[in-house]
Amino acid sequence: MMLRRALVAVGILVLLVGSLLVVGSYWALWRPHSTRSVEITVAAGAPAGVVLSQLHQEGLLPSRVAGRLYLRLFADGRTPRWGRYRFPVGCRPADALERVLDGRVETIAVTIVEGWAVDELAAACAAAGLGTVEEWREVARRRELIADLASDAPSLEGFLFPDTYRFAVGLAVPAVAGHMLDRFREVWRAETEAGTALWASPLELVTLASLVEAETSLEGERPRIAGVFRNRLQRGMLLQCDPTVVYALKRRGEWQGRLLRRHWATDDPYNTYRYPGLPPGPINSPGRAALAAAVRPESHDYLYFVASPQGGHVFSRTLAEHERAVAQWQSSRR
């Protein structure tokens, strides 16, 4: 009898101590524990125990036991997500755990400007900490990533959609590029799902859109310029688009910041003064308005355009009209 009472007393004591530890750990999770701002990086695939150890070592968690108790009671199947996290002074352990369970990682905002070529995009992303220029050039060569859009595209040039993005710090370049390609797909579907058949292939339309993007920043002019290029294509005329020559020179490492008449003779398939039709692929990342203009060009009989002294462009139907407009433009620059 004495032994039984002793065992019962010990059992009650153990239960009481255990309960106190559980309750103490539970309440400790909702009291501020951190005395400094902390930044940690959770590796991809890191087990929960490793993450709890990181939080405890950095003073964000009273103990791993408390952390495991929280995960058992409140995780609802969630597991810590990879990424870089920043925790403010006085962050409560429960809040720190919720942050890593929800994946509220530190992010970087980057803006890709309409009309940027891959190298300009790569430089902007590298400056923001999203890979290196060489990594971006390597990814840009992976044309299989857009096989569903344009299997004949020479690269990802033109398909990395210009927009403002927010990415998790440390996100790999292929994943970042994937988000940009998905955004392109979203815009492309919206601009082409009207039901009317496309007048050219997707690659041709995106390439044309990149020429339109390079020629004007005026949204109202874009469908008209797209119409000029379509008219010239249908008549078998050279497109004679200066930005394609600049692109050709840049990819050959020969661009020196100024386009000269002699450059029109450059032997490069992207040079539309020498090679008929559209270039092999886009020369930049066209925005939504340029894509819309290429898909739905304005119907007219213009064959030429040149910059106007008043801004925008002057459009002409005949070579004689165009030459007069060119002379007026040249006179305004003197």
Protein backbone atom coordinates (compact mmCIF):
# COMPACT_ATOMS: atom_id res chain seq x y z
CA MET A 1 0.00 0.00 0.00
CA MET A 2 2.79 2.38 0.91
CA LEU A 3 4.58 1.59 -2.35
CA ARG A 4 1.43 2.16 -4.35
CA ARG A 5 0.86 5.54 -2.69
CA ALA A 6 4.44 6.47 -3.33
CA LEU A 7 4.16 5.55 -7.01
CA VAL A 8 0.92 7.52 -7.33
CA ALA A 9 2.58 10.52 -5.65
CA VAL A 10 5.56 10.29 -8.00
CA GLY A 11 3.24 9.98 -10.99
CA ILE A 12 1.28 13.04 -9.92
CA LEU A 13 4.51 14.94 -9.35
CA VAL A 14 5.86 13.99 -12.80
CA LEU A 15 2.55 14.94 -14.41
CA LEU A 16 2.52 18.22 -12.53
CA VAL A 17 6.12 19.06 -13.47
CA GLY A 18 5.47 18.07 -17.08
CA SER A 19 2.34 20.17 -17.19
CA LEU A 20 4.20 23.13 -15.75
CA LEU A 21 6.94 22.73 -18.35
CA VAL A 22 4.38 22.53 -21.16
CA VAL A 23 2.41 25.50 -19.85
CA GLY A 24 5.60 27.45 -19.25
CA SER A 25 6.90 26.72 -22.75
CA TYR A 26 3.49 27.58 -24.20
CA TRP A 27 3.30 30.96 -22.51
CA ALA A 28 6.94 31.69 -23.25
CA LEU A 29 6.10 31.51 -26.95
CA TRP A 30 3.96 34.64 -26.65
CA ARG A 31 6.42 36.75 -24.69
CA PRO A 32 9.00 38.86 -26.53
CA HIS A 33 12.26 36.95 -26.43
CA SER A 34 14.58 38.65 -28.92
CA THR A 35 16.72 41.58 -27.78
CA ARG A 36 18.13 42.47 -31.21
CA SER A 37 17.28 42.51 -34.88
CA VAL A 38 18.08 39.11 -36.37
CA GLU A 39 18.50 37.81 -39.92
CA ILE A 40 18.66 34.09 -40.72
CA THR A 41 18.64 32.02 -43.89
CA VAL A 42 16.66 28.79 -43.98
CA ALA A 43 18.18 26.38 -46.46
CA ALA A 44 15.95 24.64 -48.98
CA GLY A 45 14.76 21.34 -47.54
CA ALA A 46 16.06 22.06 -44.03
CA PRO A 47 14.33 19.81 -41.41
CA ALA A 48 12.14 21.51 -38.82
CA GLY A 49 14.60 20.58 -36.05
CA VAL A 50 17.42 22.43 -37.80
CA VAL A 51 15.28 25.53 -38.23
CA LEU A 52 14.23 25.43 -34.57
CA SER A 53 17.91 25.21 -33.58
CA GLN A 54 18.68 28.27 -35.74
CA LEU A 55 15.89 30.26 -34.09
CA HIS A 56 16.99 29.19 -30.62
CA GLN A 57 20.66 29.99 -31.26
CA GLU A 58 19.75 33.47 -32.49
CA GLY A 59 17.66 34.17 -29.37
CA LEU A 60 14.31 34.02 -31.14
CA LEU A 61 13.05 30.88 -29.43
CA PRO A 62 13.26 29.97 -25.70
CA SER A 63 13.95 26.31 -26.54
CA ARG A 64 13.56 23.68 -29.24
CA VAL A 65 10.99 21.95 -26.99
CA ALA A 66 8.82 25.08 -27.04
CA GLY A 67 9.20 25.25 -30.80
CA ARG A 68 8.18 21.63 -31.29
CA LEU A 69 5.19 22.18 -29.03
CA TYR A 70 4.07 25.10 -31.19
CA LEU A 71 4.52 23.12 -34.41
CA ARG A 72 2.50 20.22 -33.00
CA LEU A 73 -0.37 22.47 -31.90
CA PHE A 74 -0.49 25.20 -34.54
CA ALA A 75 1.45 24.25 -37.71
CA ASP A 76 -1.60 22.61 -39.37
CA GLY A 77 0.63 20.62 -41.69
CA ARG A 78 2.86 23.56 -42.57
CA THR A 79 6.65 23.20 -42.51
CA PRO A 80 9.37 25.88 -42.42
CA ARG A 81 9.96 27.38 -45.86
CA TRP A 82 13.33 28.28 -47.31
CA GLY A 83 14.56 31.83 -47.76
CA ARG A 84 16.09 34.76 -45.93
CA TYR A 85 14.14 36.12 -42.96
CA ARG A 86 14.52 39.32 -40.95
CA PHE A 87 13.09 39.55 -37.41
CA PRO A 88 12.72 42.86 -35.51
CA VAL A 89 13.79 43.53 -31.94
CA GLY A 90 11.27 42.10 -29.48
CA CYS A 91 9.89 39.58 -31.96
CA ARG A 92 7.76 37.00 -30.12
CA PRO A 93 8.75 33.35 -30.65
CA ALA A 94 5.26 32.52 -31.94
CA ASP A 95 5.50 35.34 -34.50
CA ALA A 96 8.95 34.16 -35.60
CA LEU A 97 7.62 30.64 -36.10
CA GLU A 98 4.60 31.89 -38.05
CA ARG A 99 6.89 33.90 -40.29
CA VAL A 100 8.94 30.87 -41.34
CA LEU A 101 5.84 28.66 -41.62
CA ASP A 102 4.12 31.19 -43.91
CA GLY A 103 7.29 31.86 -45.92
CA ARG A 104 7.27 35.62 -45.28
CA VAL A 105 10.81 35.93 -46.56
CA GLU A 106 12.84 39.04 -47.24
CA THR A 107 12.21 40.17 -50.82
CA ILE A 108 13.80 42.30 -53.52
CA ALA A 109 11.89 44.52 -55.96
CA VAL A 110 13.24 44.81 -59.49
CA THR A 111 11.77 46.70 -62.46
CA ILE A 112 12.36 45.45 -66.00
CA VAL A 113 11.84 48.32 -68.42
CA GLU A 114 9.99 47.93 -71.71
CA GLY A 115 12.47 47.77 -74.56
CA TRP A 116 15.37 46.34 -72.57
CA ALA A 117 17.42 43.61 -74.21
CA VAL A 118 18.54 40.57 -72.21
CA ASP A 119 21.90 42.11 -71.27
CA GLU A 120 20.20 45.20 -69.81
CA LEU A 121 17.74 43.00 -67.94
CA ALA A 122 20.61 40.83 -66.69
CA ALA A 123 22.53 43.86 -65.42
CA ALA A 124 19.49 45.14 -63.49
CA CYS A 125 18.82 41.75 -61.90
CA ALA A 126 22.48 41.22 -61.01
CA ALA A 127 22.60 44.67 -59.39
CA ALA A 128 19.58 43.68 -57.29
CA GLY A 129 21.29 40.50 -56.14
CA LEU A 130 19.40 38.12 -58.41
CA GLY A 131 22.16 36.12 -60.03
CA THR A 132 24.98 37.24 -62.29
CA VAL A 133 24.99 38.56 -65.84
CA GLU A 134 26.57 35.32 -67.05
CA GLU A 135 23.89 33.24 -65.33
CA TRP A 136 21.24 35.30 -67.10
CA ARG A 137 22.96 34.88 -70.46
CA GLU A 138 23.06 31.13 -69.87
CA VAL A 139 19.36 30.98 -68.99
CA ALA A 140 18.50 33.17 -72.01
CA ARG A 141 19.94 30.47 -74.25
CA ARG A 142 17.50 27.87 -72.88
CA ARG A 143 14.91 28.25 -75.62
CA GLU A 144 13.22 25.01 -74.55
CA LEU A 145 11.66 27.07 -71.75
CA ILE A 146 9.40 28.73 -74.33
CA ALA A 147 8.82 25.77 -76.62
CA ASP A 148 5.09 26.03 -75.86
CA LEU A 149 5.06 29.64 -77.11
CA ALA A 150 7.56 29.71 -79.95
CA SER A 151 9.55 26.53 -80.53
CA ASP A 152 11.54 28.28 -83.27
CA ALA A 153 12.71 31.17 -81.07
CA PRO A 154 16.52 31.51 -81.00
CA SER A 155 16.55 32.51 -77.31
CA LEU A 156 14.40 33.93 -74.51
CA GLU A 157 14.98 37.44 -75.86
CA GLY A 158 11.59 39.14 -76.08
CA PHE A 159 9.79 36.68 -73.80
CA LEU A 160 11.02 37.91 -70.39
CA PHE A 161 8.14 40.27 -69.77
CA PRO A 162 8.94 43.83 -68.63
CA ASP A 163 7.23 44.58 -65.33
CA THR A 164 7.94 45.32 -61.67
CA TYR A 165 8.52 42.11 -59.73
CA ARG A 166 9.19 41.20 -56.11
CA PHE A 167 11.32 38.12 -55.58
CA ALA A 168 12.57 36.25 -52.53
CA VAL A 169 16.18 37.04 -51.70
CA GLY A 170 18.37 34.19 -52.96
CA LEU A 171 15.92 32.96 -55.60
CA ALA A 172 17.82 31.20 -58.40
CA VAL A 173 18.00 32.80 -61.85
CA PRO A 174 16.00 30.03 -63.61
CA ALA A 175 13.16 30.52 -61.11
CA VAL A 176 13.23 34.31 -61.57
CA ALA A 177 13.19 33.90 -65.35
CA GLY A 178 10.32 31.44 -64.97
CA HIS A 179 8.21 34.09 -63.25
CA MET A 180 8.92 36.54 -66.09
CA LEU A 181 8.02 33.93 -68.70
CA ASP A 182 4.79 33.12 -66.86
CA ARG A 183 3.92 36.82 -66.84
CA PHE A 184 4.56 36.93 -70.59
CA ARG A 185 2.26 33.94 -71.09
CA GLU A 186 -0.45 35.68 -69.07
CA VAL A 187 -0.26 38.87 -71.15
CA TRP A 188 0.07 36.97 -74.42
CA ARG A 189 -3.07 34.93 -73.72
CA ALA A 190 -4.99 38.09 -72.86
CA GLU A 191 -3.95 39.79 -76.10
CA THR A 192 -4.53 36.82 -78.41
CA GLU A 193 -7.66 35.15 -77.06
CA ALA A 194 -10.08 37.43 -78.93
CA GLY A 195 -10.84 34.55 -81.28
CA THR A 196 -9.49 35.98 -84.54
CA ALA A 197 -6.70 34.05 -86.21
CA LEU A 198 -3.20 35.49 -85.86
CA TRP A 199 -1.89 36.99 -89.08
CA ALA A 200 1.63 35.71 -88.37
CA SER A 201 3.37 33.18 -86.12
CA PRO A 202 3.89 33.96 -82.41
CA LEU A 203 7.64 34.40 -82.93
CA GLU A 204 7.04 36.78 -85.82
CA LEU A 205 4.55 38.81 -83.84
CA VAL A 206 6.77 39.09 -80.76
CA THR A 207 9.68 40.03 -83.01
CA LEU A 208 7.57 42.69 -84.70
CA ALA A 209 6.45 43.95 -81.29
CA SER A 210 10.09 44.38 -80.26
CA LEU A 211 10.71 46.54 -83.35
CA VAL A 212 7.64 48.64 -82.55
CA GLU A 213 8.82 48.99 -78.94
CA ALA A 214 12.21 50.20 -80.13
CA GLU A 215 10.79 52.71 -82.62
CA THR A 216 8.36 54.67 -80.43
CA SER A 217 7.39 55.31 -76.83
CA LEU A 218 4.02 56.79 -77.86
CA GLU A 219 1.29 54.25 -77.27
CA GLY A 220 -1.00 55.80 -79.86
CA GLU A 221 1.63 55.39 -82.59
CA ARG A 222 2.41 51.76 -82.01
CA PRO A 223 -0.45 50.19 -84.03
CA ARG A 224 0.34 52.56 -86.91
CA ILE A 225 4.05 51.69 -86.93
CA ALA A 226 3.16 48.00 -86.73
CA GLY A 227 0.94 48.60 -89.77
CA VAL A 228 3.84 50.16 -91.68
CA PHE A 229 6.03 47.13 -91.02
CA ARG A 230 3.24 44.75 -92.01
CA ASN A 231 2.68 46.66 -95.25
CA ARG A 232 6.39 46.49 -96.09
CA LEU A 233 6.51 42.77 -95.28
CA GLN A 234 3.54 42.07 -97.53
CA ARG A 235 5.16 44.02 -100.38
CA GLY A 236 8.54 42.31 -99.96
CA MET A 237 10.25 45.57 -98.98
CA LEU A 238 13.19 45.72 -96.60
CA LEU A 239 12.05 46.87 -93.16
CA GLN A 240 15.05 49.20 -92.77
CA CYS A 241 14.60 49.45 -89.01
CA ASP A 242 17.54 51.25 -87.37
CA PRO A 243 17.18 49.52 -83.96
CA THR A 244 17.81 46.15 -85.62
CA VAL A 245 21.17 47.43 -86.86
CA VAL A 246 22.05 48.63 -83.36
CA TYR A 247 21.11 45.21 -81.99
CA ALA A 248 23.26 43.51 -84.62
CA LEU A 249 26.24 45.70 -83.74
CA LYS A 250 25.80 45.09 -80.00
CA ARG A 251 25.65 41.33 -80.36
CA ARG A 252 28.82 41.48 -82.49
CA GLY A 253 30.57 43.67 -79.92
CA GLU A 254 30.89 46.50 -82.46
CA TRP A 255 28.49 49.10 -81.04
CA GLN A 256 30.20 52.39 -80.18
CA GLY A 257 27.18 54.46 -79.25
CA ARG A 258 26.41 56.03 -82.63
CA LEU A 259 24.66 54.61 -85.68
CA LEU A 260 26.24 55.61 -88.98
CA ARG A 261 25.13 55.08 -92.57
CA ARG A 262 28.00 52.62 -93.15
CA HIS A 263 26.53 50.36 -90.46
CA TRP A 264 23.55 49.67 -92.74
CA ALA A 265 25.85 47.36 -94.73
CA THR A 266 26.72 45.20 -91.69
CA ASP A 267 26.45 41.55 -92.67
CA ASP A 268 24.25 40.26 -89.87
CA PRO A 269 20.87 38.49 -90.07
CA TYR A 270 19.44 41.01 -87.60
CA ASN A 271 20.25 43.90 -89.96
CA THR A 272 16.95 44.65 -91.72
CA TYR A 273 18.70 47.04 -94.15
CA ARG A 274 20.48 44.05 -95.66
CA TYR A 275 18.30 41.03 -94.92
CA PRO A 276 14.64 40.88 -96.00
CA GLY A 277 11.78 40.11 -93.66
CA LEU A 278 11.82 40.17 -89.89
CA PRO A 279 15.05 39.45 -87.98
CA PRO A 280 15.50 35.90 -86.59
CA GLY A 281 14.02 36.89 -83.25
CA PRO A 282 13.07 39.80 -80.97
CA ILE A 283 15.60 42.53 -80.25
CA ASN A 284 14.23 43.49 -76.82
CA SER A 285 11.44 42.82 -74.34
CA PRO A 286 8.28 44.44 -75.75
CA GLY A 287 5.60 45.66 -73.36
CA ARG A 288 1.89 44.94 -73.53
CA ALA A 289 1.02 47.89 -75.80
CA ALA A 290 3.65 46.86 -78.35
CA LEU A 291 2.45 43.25 -78.30
CA ALA A 292 -1.14 44.42 -78.81
CA ALA A 293 -0.03 46.60 -81.73
CA ALA A 294 1.77 43.69 -83.40
CA VAL A 295 -1.21 41.38 -82.98
CA ARG A 296 -3.65 44.05 -84.25
CA PRO A 297 -1.77 46.46 -86.54
CA GLU A 298 -3.56 49.52 -87.86
CA SER A 299 -4.87 49.10 -91.42
CA HIS A 300 -3.59 51.87 -93.70
CA ASP A 301 -1.40 52.35 -96.76
CA TYR A 302 1.63 54.01 -95.14
CA LEU A 303 5.02 52.59 -96.06
CA TYR A 304 7.41 55.01 -94.38
CA PHE A 305 7.85 57.01 -91.18
CA VAL A 306 10.46 59.38 -89.80
CA ALA A 307 10.82 61.37 -86.59
CA SER A 308 8.86 64.62 -86.50
CA PRO A 309 10.37 67.91 -85.25
CA GLN A 310 7.18 68.32 -83.20
CA GLY A 311 7.56 64.88 -81.59
CA GLY A 312 6.35 61.48 -82.67
CA HIS A 313 6.63 60.50 -86.32
CA VAL A 314 5.53 61.64 -89.76
CA PHE A 315 4.01 58.84 -91.86
CA SER A 316 4.19 58.74 -95.65
CA ARG A 317 2.63 56.69 -98.41
CA THR A 318 5.24 57.33 -101.10
CA LEU A 319 9.00 57.63 -101.20
CA ALA A 320 8.73 61.23 -102.40
CA GLU A 321 6.59 62.17 -99.40
CA HIS A 322 9.02 60.40 -97.12
CA GLU A 323 12.05 62.16 -98.55
CA ARG A 324 10.40 65.54 -97.95
CA ALA A 325 9.66 64.53 -94.34
CA VAL A 326 13.26 63.40 -93.88
CA ALA A 327 14.57 66.69 -95.27
CA GLN A 328 12.34 68.61 -92.86
CA TRP A 329 13.57 66.53 -89.93
CA GLN A 330 17.22 66.99 -90.91
CA SER A 331 16.70 70.73 -91.32
CA SER A 332 15.23 70.97 -87.80
CA ARG A 333 18.37 69.39 -86.34
CA ARG A 334 20.77 71.98 -87.75
